[in-house]
Amino acid sequence: MEAKGVNGQVTFDGRVLTISRAGFFGWATQGRNEKQIPIGSVGAVQLRPPSFTANGLWSVSVTGEVQSSRNPRGVRQISKAGKDENSVIVKRSQVKQFEALNAAVLEALASR
């Protein structure tokens, strides 16, 4: 399963969640990197749908990973989320892909 966002792509094979950066915006904000997260290390996933005037956000929390108190995933901080390696910015046309991805990850988390 794959979902493509503004600044990256997320793939999930049932065991590993992979966040990769391709395209100009992904390279400009994160560089050409790829982060693989085993499903056992996923603490939570979050999908904030885009509004009429702003993009949305999909993000994953990794168990044991230190997160800043200035977390860029806050409501008014979506513009800073482009620099968060665990987040992908979502446009209105991409919501269905991320809803399906979110459901698959939550199902895998519930069954482990």
PDB file of N, CA and C in Angstrom:
ATOM      1  N   MET A   1       0.843  -1.163   0.000  1.00  0.00           N
ATOM      2  CA  MET A   1       0.000   0.000   0.000  1.00  0.00           C
ATOM      3  C   MET A   1       0.892   1.232   0.000  1.00  0.00           C
ATOM      4  N   GLU A   2       0.509   2.217  -0.806  1.00  0.00           N
ATOM      5  CA  GLU A   2       1.299   3.444  -0.893  1.00  0.00           C
ATOM      6  C   GLU A   2       0.384   4.653  -0.895  1.00  0.00           C
ATOM      7  N   ALA A   3       0.839   5.713  -0.245  1.00  0.00           N
ATOM      8  CA  ALA A   3       0.143   6.995  -0.250  1.00  0.00           C
ATOM      9  C   ALA A   3       1.173   8.075  -0.566  1.00  0.00           C
ATOM     10  N   LYS A   4       0.858   8.897  -1.552  1.00  0.00           N
ATOM     11  CA  LYS A   4       1.774   9.969  -1.947  1.00  0.00           C
ATOM     12  C   LYS A   4       1.249  11.300  -1.443  1.00  0.00           C
ATOM     13  N   GLY A   5       2.127  12.027  -0.750  1.00  0.00           N
ATOM     14  CA  GLY A   5       1.775  13.332  -0.229  1.00  0.00           C
ATOM     15  C   GLY A   5       2.566  14.426  -0.914  1.00  0.00           C
ATOM     16  N   VAL A   6       2.443  15.627  -0.417  1.00  0.00           N
ATOM     17  CA  VAL A   6       3.119  16.789  -0.986  1.00  0.00           C
ATOM     18  C   VAL A   6       4.633  16.661  -0.857  1.00  0.00           C
ATOM     19  N   ASN A   7       5.101  16.261   0.305  1.00  0.00           N
ATOM     20  CA  ASN A   7       6.543  16.232   0.556  1.00  0.00           C
ATOM     21  C   ASN A   7       7.092  14.835   0.814  1.00  0.00           C
ATOM     22  N   GLY A   8       6.384  13.819   0.360  1.00  0.00           N
ATOM     23  CA  GLY A   8       6.900  12.472   0.533  1.00  0.00           C
ATOM     24  C   GLY A   8       5.875  11.397   0.247  1.00  0.00           C
ATOM     25  N   GLN A   9       6.338  10.168   0.294  1.00  0.00           N
ATOM     26  CA  GLN A   9       5.503   9.008   0.069  1.00  0.00           C
ATOM     27  C   GLN A   9       5.623   8.082   1.270  1.00  0.00           C
ATOM     28  N   VAL A  10       4.529   7.384   1.562  1.00  0.00           N
ATOM     29  CA  VAL A  10       4.525   6.422   2.653  1.00  0.00           C
ATOM     30  C   VAL A  10       4.080   5.087   2.079  1.00  0.00           C
ATOM     31  N   THR A  11       4.853   4.040   2.332  1.00  0.00           N
ATOM     32  CA  THR A  11       4.455   2.701   1.925  1.00  0.00           C
ATOM     33  C   THR A  11       4.361   1.825   3.168  1.00  0.00           C
ATOM     34  N   PHE A  12       3.448   0.861   3.102  1.00  0.00           N
ATOM     35  CA  PHE A  12       3.246  -0.053   4.221  1.00  0.00           C
ATOM     36  C   PHE A  12       3.001  -1.440   3.662  1.00  0.00           C
ATOM     37  N   ASP A  13       3.827  -2.398   4.083  1.00  0.00           N
ATOM     38  CA  ASP A  13       3.703  -3.765   3.587  1.00  0.00           C
ATOM     39  C   ASP A  13       3.103  -4.714   4.620  1.00  0.00           C
ATOM     40  N   GLY A  14       2.570  -4.179   5.694  1.00  0.00           N
ATOM     41  CA  GLY A  14       1.999  -4.996   6.749  1.00  0.00           C
ATOM     42  C   GLY A  14       2.950  -5.205   7.913  1.00  0.00           C
ATOM     43  N   ARG A  15       4.252  -4.994   7.677  1.00  0.00           N
ATOM     44  CA  ARG A  15       5.248  -5.170   8.723  1.00  0.00           C
ATOM     45  C   ARG A  15       6.105  -3.932   8.939  1.00  0.00           C
ATOM     46  N   VAL A  16       6.378  -3.197   7.857  1.00  0.00           N
ATOM     47  CA  VAL A  16       7.271  -2.041   7.928  1.00  0.00           C
ATOM     48  C   VAL A  16       6.616  -0.841   7.253  1.00  0.00           C
ATOM     49  N   LEU A  17       6.679   0.293   7.923  1.00  0.00           N
ATOM     50  CA  LEU A  17       6.197   1.568   7.392  1.00  0.00           C
ATOM     51  C   LEU A  17       7.415   2.318   6.875  1.00  0.00           C
ATOM     52  N   THR A  18       7.391   2.731   5.611  1.00  0.00           N
ATOM     53  CA  THR A  18       8.532   3.421   5.017  1.00  0.00           C
ATOM     54  C   THR A  18       8.109   4.806   4.564  1.00  0.00           C
ATOM     55  N   ILE A  19       8.797   5.820   5.058  1.00  0.00           N
ATOM     56  CA  ILE A  19       8.556   7.205   4.642  1.00  0.00           C
ATOM     57  C   ILE A  19       9.747   7.602   3.780  1.00  0.00           C
ATOM     58  N   SER A  20       9.492   7.927   2.525  1.00  0.00           N
ATOM     59  CA  SER A  20      10.573   8.335   1.628  1.00  0.00           C
ATOM     60  C   SER A  20      10.259   9.702   1.046  1.00  0.00           C
ATOM     61  N   ARG A  21      11.300  10.374   0.640  1.00  0.00           N
ATOM     62  CA  ARG A  21      11.152  11.725   0.093  1.00  0.00           C
ATOM     63  C   ARG A  21      11.575  11.705  -1.364  1.00  0.00           C
ATOM     64  N   ALA A  22      10.660  12.061  -2.218  1.00  0.00           N
ATOM     65  CA  ALA A  22      10.945  12.172  -3.646  1.00  0.00           C
ATOM     66  C   ALA A  22      10.227  13.415  -4.146  1.00  0.00           C
ATOM     67  N   GLY A  23      10.634  13.904  -5.258  1.00  0.00           N
ATOM     68  CA  GLY A  23      10.056  15.137  -5.772  1.00  0.00           C
ATOM     69  C   GLY A  23      10.766  16.341  -5.187  1.00  0.00           C
ATOM     70  N   PHE A  24      10.558  17.468  -5.809  1.00  0.00           N
ATOM     71  CA  PHE A  24      11.280  18.671  -5.432  1.00  0.00           C
ATOM     72  C   PHE A  24      11.023  19.079  -3.984  1.00  0.00           C
ATOM     73  N   PHE A  25       9.753  19.126  -3.568  1.00  0.00           N
ATOM     74  CA  PHE A  25       9.446  19.602  -2.217  1.00  0.00           C
ATOM     75  C   PHE A  25      10.001  18.657  -1.159  1.00  0.00           C
ATOM     76  N   GLY A  26       9.931  17.367  -1.403  1.00  0.00           N
ATOM     77  CA  GLY A  26      10.494  16.413  -0.453  1.00  0.00           C
ATOM     78  C   GLY A  26      11.994  16.560  -0.335  1.00  0.00           C
ATOM     79  N   TRP A  27      12.671  16.698  -1.465  1.00  0.00           N
ATOM     80  CA  TRP A  27      14.120  16.869  -1.448  1.00  0.00           C
ATOM     81  C   TRP A  27      14.523  18.192  -0.801  1.00  0.00           C
ATOM     82  N   ALA A  28      13.755  19.245  -1.072  1.00  0.00           N
ATOM     83  CA  ALA A  28      14.093  20.565  -0.545  1.00  0.00           C
ATOM     84  C   ALA A  28      13.947  20.624   0.974  1.00  0.00           C
ATOM     85  N   THR A  29      12.985  19.883   1.537  1.00  0.00           N
ATOM     86  CA  THR A  29      12.750  19.967   2.971  1.00  0.00           C
ATOM     87  C   THR A  29      13.461  18.881   3.763  1.00  0.00           C
ATOM     88  N   GLN A  30      13.635  17.702   3.192  1.00  0.00           N
ATOM     89  CA  GLN A  30      14.201  16.580   3.936  1.00  0.00           C
ATOM     90  C   GLN A  30      15.457  15.991   3.315  1.00  0.00           C
ATOM     91  N   GLY A  31      15.725  16.299   2.072  1.00  0.00           N
ATOM     92  CA  GLY A  31      16.818  15.621   1.383  1.00  0.00           C
ATOM     93  C   GLY A  31      16.332  14.281   0.866  1.00  0.00           C
ATOM     94  N   ARG A  32      17.202  13.537   0.275  1.00  0.00           N
ATOM     95  CA  ARG A  32      16.810  12.233  -0.264  1.00  0.00           C
ATOM     96  C   ARG A  32      17.004  11.166   0.802  1.00  0.00           C
ATOM     97  N   ASN A  33      16.069  11.078   1.680  1.00  0.00           N
ATOM     98  CA  ASN A  33      16.205  10.085   2.738  1.00  0.00           C
ATOM     99  C   ASN A  33      15.016   9.139   2.753  1.00  0.00           C
ATOM    100  N   GLU A  34      15.168   8.082   3.505  1.00  0.00           N
ATOM    101  CA  GLU A  34      14.110   7.096   3.659  1.00  0.00           C
ATOM    102  C   GLU A  34      14.160   6.622   5.101  1.00  0.00           C
ATOM    103  N   LYS A  35      13.002   6.553   5.728  1.00  0.00           N
ATOM    104  CA  LYS A  35      12.939   6.095   7.115  1.00  0.00           C
ATOM    105  C   LYS A  35      12.037   4.878   7.167  1.00  0.00           C
ATOM    106  N   GLN A  36      12.551   3.791   7.690  1.00  0.00           N
ATOM    107  CA  GLN A  36      11.779   2.568   7.835  1.00  0.00           C
ATOM    108  C   GLN A  36      11.470   2.344   9.307  1.00  0.00           C
ATOM    109  N   ILE A  37      10.181   2.125   9.586  1.00  0.00           N
ATOM    110  CA  ILE A  37       9.727   1.954  10.960  1.00  0.00           C
ATOM    111  C   ILE A  37       8.996   0.616  11.061  1.00  0.00           C
ATOM    112  N   PRO A  38       9.518  -0.342  11.821  1.00  0.00           N
ATOM    113  CA  PRO A  38       8.796  -1.597  12.016  1.00  0.00           C
ATOM    114  C   PRO A  38       7.478  -1.335  12.741  1.00  0.00           C
ATOM    115  N   ILE A  39       6.445  -2.097  12.421  1.00  0.00           N
ATOM    116  CA  ILE A  39       5.125  -1.857  13.009  1.00  0.00           C
ATOM    117  C   ILE A  39       5.164  -1.967  14.535  1.00  0.00           C
ATOM    118  N   GLY A  40       6.078  -2.757  15.075  1.00  0.00           N
ATOM    119  CA  GLY A  40       6.211  -2.873  16.527  1.00  0.00           C
ATOM    120  C   GLY A  40       6.717  -1.607  17.189  1.00  0.00           C
ATOM    121  N   SER A  41       7.316  -0.698  16.426  1.00  0.00           N
ATOM    122  CA  SER A  41       7.836   0.548  16.970  1.00  0.00           C
ATOM    123  C   SER A  41       6.881   1.725  16.797  1.00  0.00           C
ATOM    124  N   VAL A  42       5.778   1.494  16.105  1.00  0.00           N
ATOM    125  CA  VAL A  42       4.811   2.568  15.874  1.00  0.00           C
ATOM    126  C   VAL A  42       3.964   2.748  17.126  1.00  0.00           C
ATOM    127  N   GLY A  43       3.970   3.950  17.664  1.00  0.00           N
ATOM    128  CA  GLY A  43       3.161   4.254  18.834  1.00  0.00           C
ATOM    129  C   GLY A  43       1.763   4.691  18.452  1.00  0.00           C
ATOM    130  N   ALA A  44       1.668   5.530  17.429  1.00  0.00           N
ATOM    131  CA  ALA A  44       0.374   6.046  16.985  1.00  0.00           C
ATOM    132  C   ALA A  44       0.518   6.642  15.593  1.00  0.00           C
ATOM    133  N   VAL A  45      -0.595   6.724  14.892  1.00  0.00           N
ATOM    134  CA  VAL A  45      -0.649   7.440  13.623  1.00  0.00           C
ATOM    135  C   VAL A  45      -1.759   8.476  13.724  1.00  0.00           C
ATOM    136  N   GLN A  46      -1.594   9.541  12.999  1.00  0.00           N
ATOM    137  CA  GLN A  46      -2.561  10.639  13.057  1.00  0.00           C
ATOM    138  C   GLN A  46      -2.788  11.177  11.657  1.00  0.00           C
ATOM    139  N   LEU A  47      -4.036  11.385  11.310  1.00  0.00           N
ATOM    140  CA  LEU A  47      -4.381  12.026  10.046  1.00  0.00           C
ATOM    141  C   LEU A  47      -5.223  13.247  10.341  1.00  0.00           C
ATOM    142  N   ARG A  48      -4.695  14.389   9.985  1.00  0.00           N
ATOM    143  CA  ARG A  48      -5.445  15.640  10.102  1.00  0.00           C
ATOM    144  C   ARG A  48      -5.835  16.031   8.679  1.00  0.00           C
ATOM    145  N   PRO A  49      -7.116  15.888   8.322  1.00  0.00           N
ATOM    146  CA  PRO A  49      -7.536  16.180   6.948  1.00  0.00           C
ATOM    147  C   PRO A  49      -7.340  17.648   6.603  1.00  0.00           C
ATOM    148  N   PRO A  50      -7.118  17.929   5.317  1.00  0.00           N
ATOM    149  CA  PRO A  50      -6.970  19.323   4.916  1.00  0.00           C
ATOM    150  C   PRO A  50      -8.293  20.067   5.047  1.00  0.00           C
ATOM    151  N   SER A  51      -8.197  21.340   5.309  1.00  0.00           N
ATOM    152  CA  SER A  51      -9.388  22.183   5.365  1.00  0.00           C
ATOM    153  C   SER A  51      -9.569  22.850   4.009  1.00  0.00           C
ATOM    154  N   PHE A  52     -10.529  23.702   3.915  1.00  0.00           N
ATOM    155  CA  PHE A  52     -10.785  24.406   2.661  1.00  0.00           C
ATOM    156  C   PHE A  52      -9.611  25.300   2.268  1.00  0.00           C
ATOM    157  N   THR A  53      -8.913  25.822   3.260  1.00  0.00           N
ATOM    158  CA  THR A  53      -7.835  26.773   2.972  1.00  0.00           C
ATOM    159  C   THR A  53      -6.426  26.278   3.273  1.00  0.00           C
ATOM    160  N   ALA A  54      -6.290  25.102   3.896  1.00  0.00           N
ATOM    161  CA  ALA A  54      -4.952  24.645   4.294  1.00  0.00           C
ATOM    162  C   ALA A  54      -4.778  23.154   4.024  1.00  0.00           C
ATOM    163  N   ASN A  55      -3.541  22.751   3.811  1.00  0.00           N
ATOM    164  CA  ASN A  55      -3.220  21.341   3.640  1.00  0.00           C
ATOM    165  C   ASN A  55      -3.393  20.599   4.956  1.00  0.00           C
ATOM    166  N   GLY A  56      -3.518  19.290   4.854  1.00  0.00           N
ATOM    167  CA  GLY A  56      -3.623  18.439   6.021  1.00  0.00           C
ATOM    168  C   GLY A  56      -2.276  17.819   6.346  1.00  0.00           C
ATOM    169  N   LEU A  57      -2.294  16.844   7.261  1.00  0.00           N
ATOM    170  CA  LEU A  57      -1.056  16.263   7.737  1.00  0.00           C
ATOM    171  C   LEU A  57      -1.286  14.825   8.171  1.00  0.00           C
ATOM    172  N   TRP A  58      -0.382  13.947   7.776  1.00  0.00           N
ATOM    173  CA  TRP A  58      -0.354  12.571   8.278  1.00  0.00           C
ATOM    174  C   TRP A  58       0.957  12.422   9.021  1.00  0.00           C
ATOM    175  N   SER A  59       0.905  11.880  10.233  1.00  0.00           N
ATOM    176  CA  SER A  59       2.143  11.713  10.989  1.00  0.00           C
ATOM    177  C   SER A  59       2.110  10.425  11.796  1.00  0.00           C
ATOM    178  N   VAL A  60       3.281   9.967  12.127  1.00  0.00           N
ATOM    179  CA  VAL A  60       3.448   8.745  12.909  1.00  0.00           C
ATOM    180  C   VAL A  60       4.327   9.060  14.113  1.00  0.00           C
ATOM    181  N   SER A  61       3.964   8.494  15.260  1.00  0.00           N
ATOM    182  CA  SER A  61       4.784   8.611  16.461  1.00  0.00           C
ATOM    183  C   SER A  61       5.526   7.298  16.639  1.00  0.00           C
ATOM    184  N   VAL A  62       6.805   7.391  16.927  1.00  0.00           N
ATOM    185  CA  VAL A  62       7.645   6.211  17.084  1.00  0.00           C
ATOM    186  C   VAL A  62       7.930   6.017  18.571  1.00  0.00           C
ATOM    187  N   THR A  63       7.642   4.821  19.064  1.00  0.00           N
ATOM    188  CA  THR A  63       7.873   4.493  20.460  1.00  0.00           C
ATOM    189  C   THR A  63       9.361   4.589  20.779  1.00  0.00           C
ATOM    190  N   GLY A  64       9.676   5.297  21.842  1.00  0.00           N
ATOM    191  CA  GLY A  64      11.060   5.427  22.269  1.00  0.00           C
ATOM    192  C   GLY A  64      11.810   6.571  21.619  1.00  0.00           C
ATOM    193  N   GLU A  65      11.213   7.232  20.662  1.00  0.00           N
ATOM    194  CA  GLU A  65      11.868   8.357  19.991  1.00  0.00           C
ATOM    195  C   GLU A  65      11.511   9.635  20.733  1.00  0.00           C
ATOM    196  N   VAL A  66      12.493  10.412  21.069  1.00  0.00           N
ATOM    197  CA  VAL A  66      12.264  11.651  21.798  1.00  0.00           C
ATOM    198  C   VAL A  66      11.617  12.663  20.860  1.00  0.00           C
ATOM    199  N   GLN A  67      10.523  13.243  21.338  1.00  0.00           N
ATOM    200  CA  GLN A  67       9.855  14.268  20.561  1.00  0.00           C
ATOM    201  C   GLN A  67       9.923  15.582  21.312  1.00  0.00           C
ATOM    202  N   SER A  68      10.167  16.622  20.564  1.00  0.00           N
ATOM    203  CA  SER A  68      10.325  17.943  21.146  1.00  0.00           C
ATOM    204  C   SER A  68       9.007  18.477  21.678  1.00  0.00           C
ATOM    205  N   SER A  69       9.086  19.337  22.685  1.00  0.00           N
ATOM    206  CA  SER A  69       7.875  20.003  23.172  1.00  0.00           C
ATOM    207  C   SER A  69       7.395  21.028  22.159  1.00  0.00           C
ATOM    208  N   ARG A  70       8.246  21.352  21.208  1.00  0.00           N
ATOM    209  CA  ARG A  70       7.856  22.240  20.117  1.00  0.00           C
ATOM    210  C   ARG A  70       7.515  21.407  18.893  1.00  0.00           C
ATOM    211  N   ASN A  71       6.718  20.395  19.114  1.00  0.00           N
ATOM    212  CA  ASN A  71       6.359  19.445  18.073  1.00  0.00           C
ATOM    213  C   ASN A  71       5.707  20.159  16.892  1.00  0.00           C
ATOM    214  N   PRO A  72       6.206  19.980  15.668  1.00  0.00           N
ATOM    215  CA  PRO A  72       5.649  20.674  14.513  1.00  0.00           C
ATOM    216  C   PRO A  72       4.326  20.102  14.037  1.00  0.00           C
ATOM    217  N   ARG A  73       3.752  19.143  14.767  1.00  0.00           N
ATOM    218  CA  ARG A  73       2.495  18.539  14.338  1.00  0.00           C
ATOM    219  C   ARG A  73       1.276  19.228  14.935  1.00  0.00           C
ATOM    220  N   GLY A  74       1.480  20.340  15.623  1.00  0.00           N
ATOM    221  CA  GLY A  74       0.373  21.050  16.243  1.00  0.00           C
ATOM    222  C   GLY A  74      -0.549  21.686  15.219  1.00  0.00           C
ATOM    223  N   VAL A  75      -1.719  22.095  15.659  1.00  0.00           N
ATOM    224  CA  VAL A  75      -2.745  22.624  14.776  1.00  0.00           C
ATOM    225  C   VAL A  75      -2.249  23.799  13.943  1.00  0.00           C
ATOM    226  N   ARG A  76      -1.580  24.742  14.536  1.00  0.00           N
ATOM    227  CA  ARG A  76      -1.139  25.932  13.814  1.00  0.00           C
ATOM    228  C   ARG A  76       0.260  25.777  13.224  1.00  0.00           C
ATOM    229  N   GLN A  77       0.815  24.600  13.298  1.00  0.00           N
ATOM    230  CA  GLN A  77       2.196  24.407  12.887  1.00  0.00           C
ATOM    231  C   GLN A  77       2.359  23.511  11.658  1.00  0.00           C
ATOM    232  N   ILE A  78       1.314  23.316  10.873  1.00  0.00           N
ATOM    233  CA  ILE A  78       1.414  22.438   9.710  1.00  0.00           C
ATOM    234  C   ILE A  78       2.469  22.934   8.735  1.00  0.00           C
ATOM    235  N   SER A  79       2.662  24.231   8.644  1.00  0.00           N
ATOM    236  CA  SER A  79       3.685  24.751   7.729  1.00  0.00           C
ATOM    237  C   SER A  79       5.083  24.289   8.134  1.00  0.00           C
ATOM    238  N   LYS A  80       5.323  24.037   9.421  1.00  0.00           N
ATOM    239  CA  LYS A  80       6.623  23.565   9.889  1.00  0.00           C
ATOM    240  C   LYS A  80       6.761  22.042   9.781  1.00  0.00           C
ATOM    241  N   ALA A  81       5.662  21.359   9.520  1.00  0.00           N
ATOM    242  CA  ALA A  81       5.685  19.897   9.462  1.00  0.00           C
ATOM    243  C   ALA A  81       6.480  19.385   8.277  1.00  0.00           C
ATOM    244  N   GLY A  82       6.734  20.208   7.290  1.00  0.00           N
ATOM    245  CA  GLY A  82       7.551  19.792   6.156  1.00  0.00           C
ATOM    246  C   GLY A  82       8.950  19.406   6.569  1.00  0.00           C
ATOM    247  N   LYS A  83       9.387  19.854   7.735  1.00  0.00           N
ATOM    248  CA  LYS A  83      10.725  19.535   8.231  1.00  0.00           C
ATOM    249  C   LYS A  83      10.718  18.375   9.218  1.00  0.00           C
ATOM    250  N   ASP A  84       9.548  17.840   9.532  1.00  0.00           N
ATOM    251  CA  ASP A  84       9.431  16.721  10.460  1.00  0.00           C
ATOM    252  C   ASP A  84       9.584  15.418   9.683  1.00  0.00           C
ATOM    253  N   GLU A  85      10.556  14.597  10.058  1.00  0.00           N
ATOM    254  CA  GLU A  85      10.829  13.367   9.307  1.00  0.00           C
ATOM    255  C   GLU A  85       9.739  12.314   9.461  1.00  0.00           C
ATOM    256  N   ASN A  86       8.828  12.479  10.424  1.00  0.00           N
ATOM    257  CA  ASN A  86       7.750  11.527  10.646  1.00  0.00           C
ATOM    258  C   ASN A  86       6.404  12.020  10.118  1.00  0.00           C
ATOM    259  N   SER A  87       6.387  13.079   9.345  1.00  0.00           N
ATOM    260  CA  SER A  87       5.141  13.650   8.857  1.00  0.00           C
ATOM    261  C   SER A  87       5.171  13.856   7.356  1.00  0.00           C
ATOM    262  N   VAL A  88       3.983  13.786   6.760  1.00  0.00           N
ATOM    263  CA  VAL A  88       3.814  14.043   5.335  1.00  0.00           C
ATOM    264  C   VAL A  88       2.624  14.980   5.175  1.00  0.00           C
ATOM    265  N   ILE A  89       2.799  16.025   4.389  1.00  0.00           N
ATOM    266  CA  ILE A  89       1.734  16.995   4.132  1.00  0.00           C
ATOM    267  C   ILE A  89       0.771  16.414   3.100  1.00  0.00           C
ATOM    268  N   VAL A  90      -0.527  16.574   3.345  1.00  0.00           N
ATOM    269  CA  VAL A  90      -1.567  15.953   2.531  1.00  0.00           C
ATOM    270  C   VAL A  90      -2.464  17.009   1.897  1.00  0.00           C
ATOM    271  N   LYS A  91      -2.629  16.922   0.567  1.00  0.00           N
ATOM    272  CA  LYS A  91      -3.578  17.795  -0.138  1.00  0.00           C
ATOM    273  C   LYS A  91      -4.947  17.126  -0.172  1.00  0.00           C
ATOM    274  N   ARG A  92      -5.952  17.882  -0.549  1.00  0.00           N
ATOM    275  CA  ARG A  92      -7.322  17.359  -0.598  1.00  0.00           C
ATOM    276  C   ARG A  92      -7.448  16.156  -1.526  1.00  0.00           C
ATOM    277  N   SER A  93      -6.738  16.166  -2.633  1.00  0.00           N
ATOM    278  CA  SER A  93      -6.832  15.060  -3.594  1.00  0.00           C
ATOM    279  C   SER A  93      -6.138  13.793  -3.096  1.00  0.00           C
ATOM    280  N   GLN A  94      -5.378  13.872  -2.030  1.00  0.00           N
ATOM    281  CA  GLN A  94      -4.607  12.737  -1.513  1.00  0.00           C
ATOM    282  C   GLN A  94      -5.212  12.118  -0.250  1.00  0.00           C
ATOM    283  N   VAL A  95      -6.301  12.659   0.229  1.00  0.00           N
ATOM    284  CA  VAL A  95      -6.869  12.230   1.508  1.00  0.00           C
ATOM    285  C   VAL A  95      -7.278  10.764   1.491  1.00  0.00           C
ATOM    286  N   LYS A  96      -7.920  10.296   0.443  1.00  0.00           N
ATOM    287  CA  LYS A  96      -8.400   8.903   0.390  1.00  0.00           C
ATOM    288  C   LYS A  96      -7.244   7.910   0.537  1.00  0.00           C
ATOM    289  N   GLN A  97      -6.106   8.194  -0.102  1.00  0.00           N
ATOM    290  CA  GLN A  97      -4.938   7.317   0.015  1.00  0.00           C
ATOM    291  C   GLN A  97      -4.467   7.234   1.470  1.00  0.00           C
ATOM    292  N   PHE A  98      -4.424   8.382   2.130  1.00  0.00           N
ATOM    293  CA  PHE A  98      -3.939   8.413   3.503  1.00  0.00           C
ATOM    294  C   PHE A  98      -4.964   7.847   4.486  1.00  0.00           C
ATOM    295  N   GLU A  99      -6.247   7.963   4.187  1.00  0.00           N
ATOM    296  CA  GLU A  99      -7.260   7.323   5.030  1.00  0.00           C
ATOM    297  C   GLU A  99      -7.109   5.806   4.983  1.00  0.00           C
ATOM    298  N   ALA A 100      -6.875   5.261   3.769  1.00  0.00           N
ATOM    299  CA  ALA A 100      -6.680   3.819   3.617  1.00  0.00           C
ATOM    300  C   ALA A 100      -5.403   3.371   4.323  1.00  0.00           C
ATOM    301  N   LEU A 101      -4.338   4.135   4.181  1.00  0.00           N
ATOM    302  CA  LEU A 101      -3.072   3.824   4.849  1.00  0.00           C
ATOM    303  C   LEU A 101      -3.249   3.852   6.361  1.00  0.00           C
ATOM    304  N   ASN A 102      -3.899   4.881   6.862  1.00  0.00           N
ATOM    305  CA  ASN A 102      -4.141   5.019   8.300  1.00  0.00           C
ATOM    306  C   ASN A 102      -4.917   3.814   8.829  1.00  0.00           C
ATOM    307  N   ALA A 103      -5.955   3.403   8.109  1.00  0.00           N
ATOM    308  CA  ALA A 103      -6.758   2.258   8.527  1.00  0.00           C
ATOM    309  C   ALA A 103      -5.926   0.983   8.546  1.00  0.00           C
ATOM    310  N   ALA A 104      -5.074   0.782   7.553  1.00  0.00           N
ATOM    311  CA  ALA A 104      -4.244  -0.423   7.490  1.00  0.00           C
ATOM    312  C   ALA A 104      -3.247  -0.452   8.645  1.00  0.00           C
ATOM    313  N   VAL A 105      -2.637   0.671   8.953  1.00  0.00           N
ATOM    314  CA  VAL A 105      -1.666   0.722  10.049  1.00  0.00           C
ATOM    315  C   VAL A 105      -2.364   0.491  11.378  1.00  0.00           C
ATOM    316  N   LEU A 106      -3.525   1.107  11.585  1.00  0.00           N
ATOM    317  CA  LEU A 106      -4.270   0.908  12.825  1.00  0.00           C
ATOM    318  C   LEU A 106      -4.712  -0.545  12.988  1.00  0.00           C
ATOM    319  N   GLU A 107      -5.106  -1.175  11.890  1.00  0.00           N
ATOM    320  CA  GLU A 107      -5.492  -2.588  11.941  1.00  0.00           C
ATOM    321  C   GLU A 107      -4.291  -3.466  12.327  1.00  0.00           C
ATOM    322  N   ALA A 108      -3.137  -3.166  11.749  1.00  0.00           N
ATOM    323  CA  ALA A 108      -1.921  -3.924  12.084  1.00  0.00           C
ATOM    324  C   ALA A 108      -1.522  -3.704  13.535  1.00  0.00           C
ATOM    325  N   LEU A 109      -1.693  -2.482  14.040  1.00  0.00           N
ATOM    326  CA  LEU A 109      -1.373  -2.194  15.441  1.00  0.00           C
ATOM    327  C   LEU A 109      -2.319  -2.950  16.378  1.00  0.00           C
ATOM    328  N   ALA A 110      -3.592  -3.017  16.006  1.00  0.00           N
ATOM    329  CA  ALA A 110      -4.570  -3.690  16.846  1.00  0.00           C
ATOM    330  C   ALA A 110      -4.365  -5.198  16.878  1.00  0.00           C
ATOM    331  N   SER A 111      -3.851  -5.758  15.792  1.00  0.00           N
ATOM    332  CA  SER A 111      -3.698  -7.217  15.729  1.00  0.00           C
ATOM    333  C   SER A 111      -2.363  -7.723  16.285  1.00  0.00           C
ATOM    334  N   ARG A 112      -1.452  -6.825  16.667  1.00  0.00           N
ATOM    335  CA  ARG A 112      -0.178  -7.332  17.187  1.00  0.00           C
ATOM    336  C   ARG A 112      -0.230  -7.646  18.643  1.00  0.00           C
TER     337      ARG A 112
END
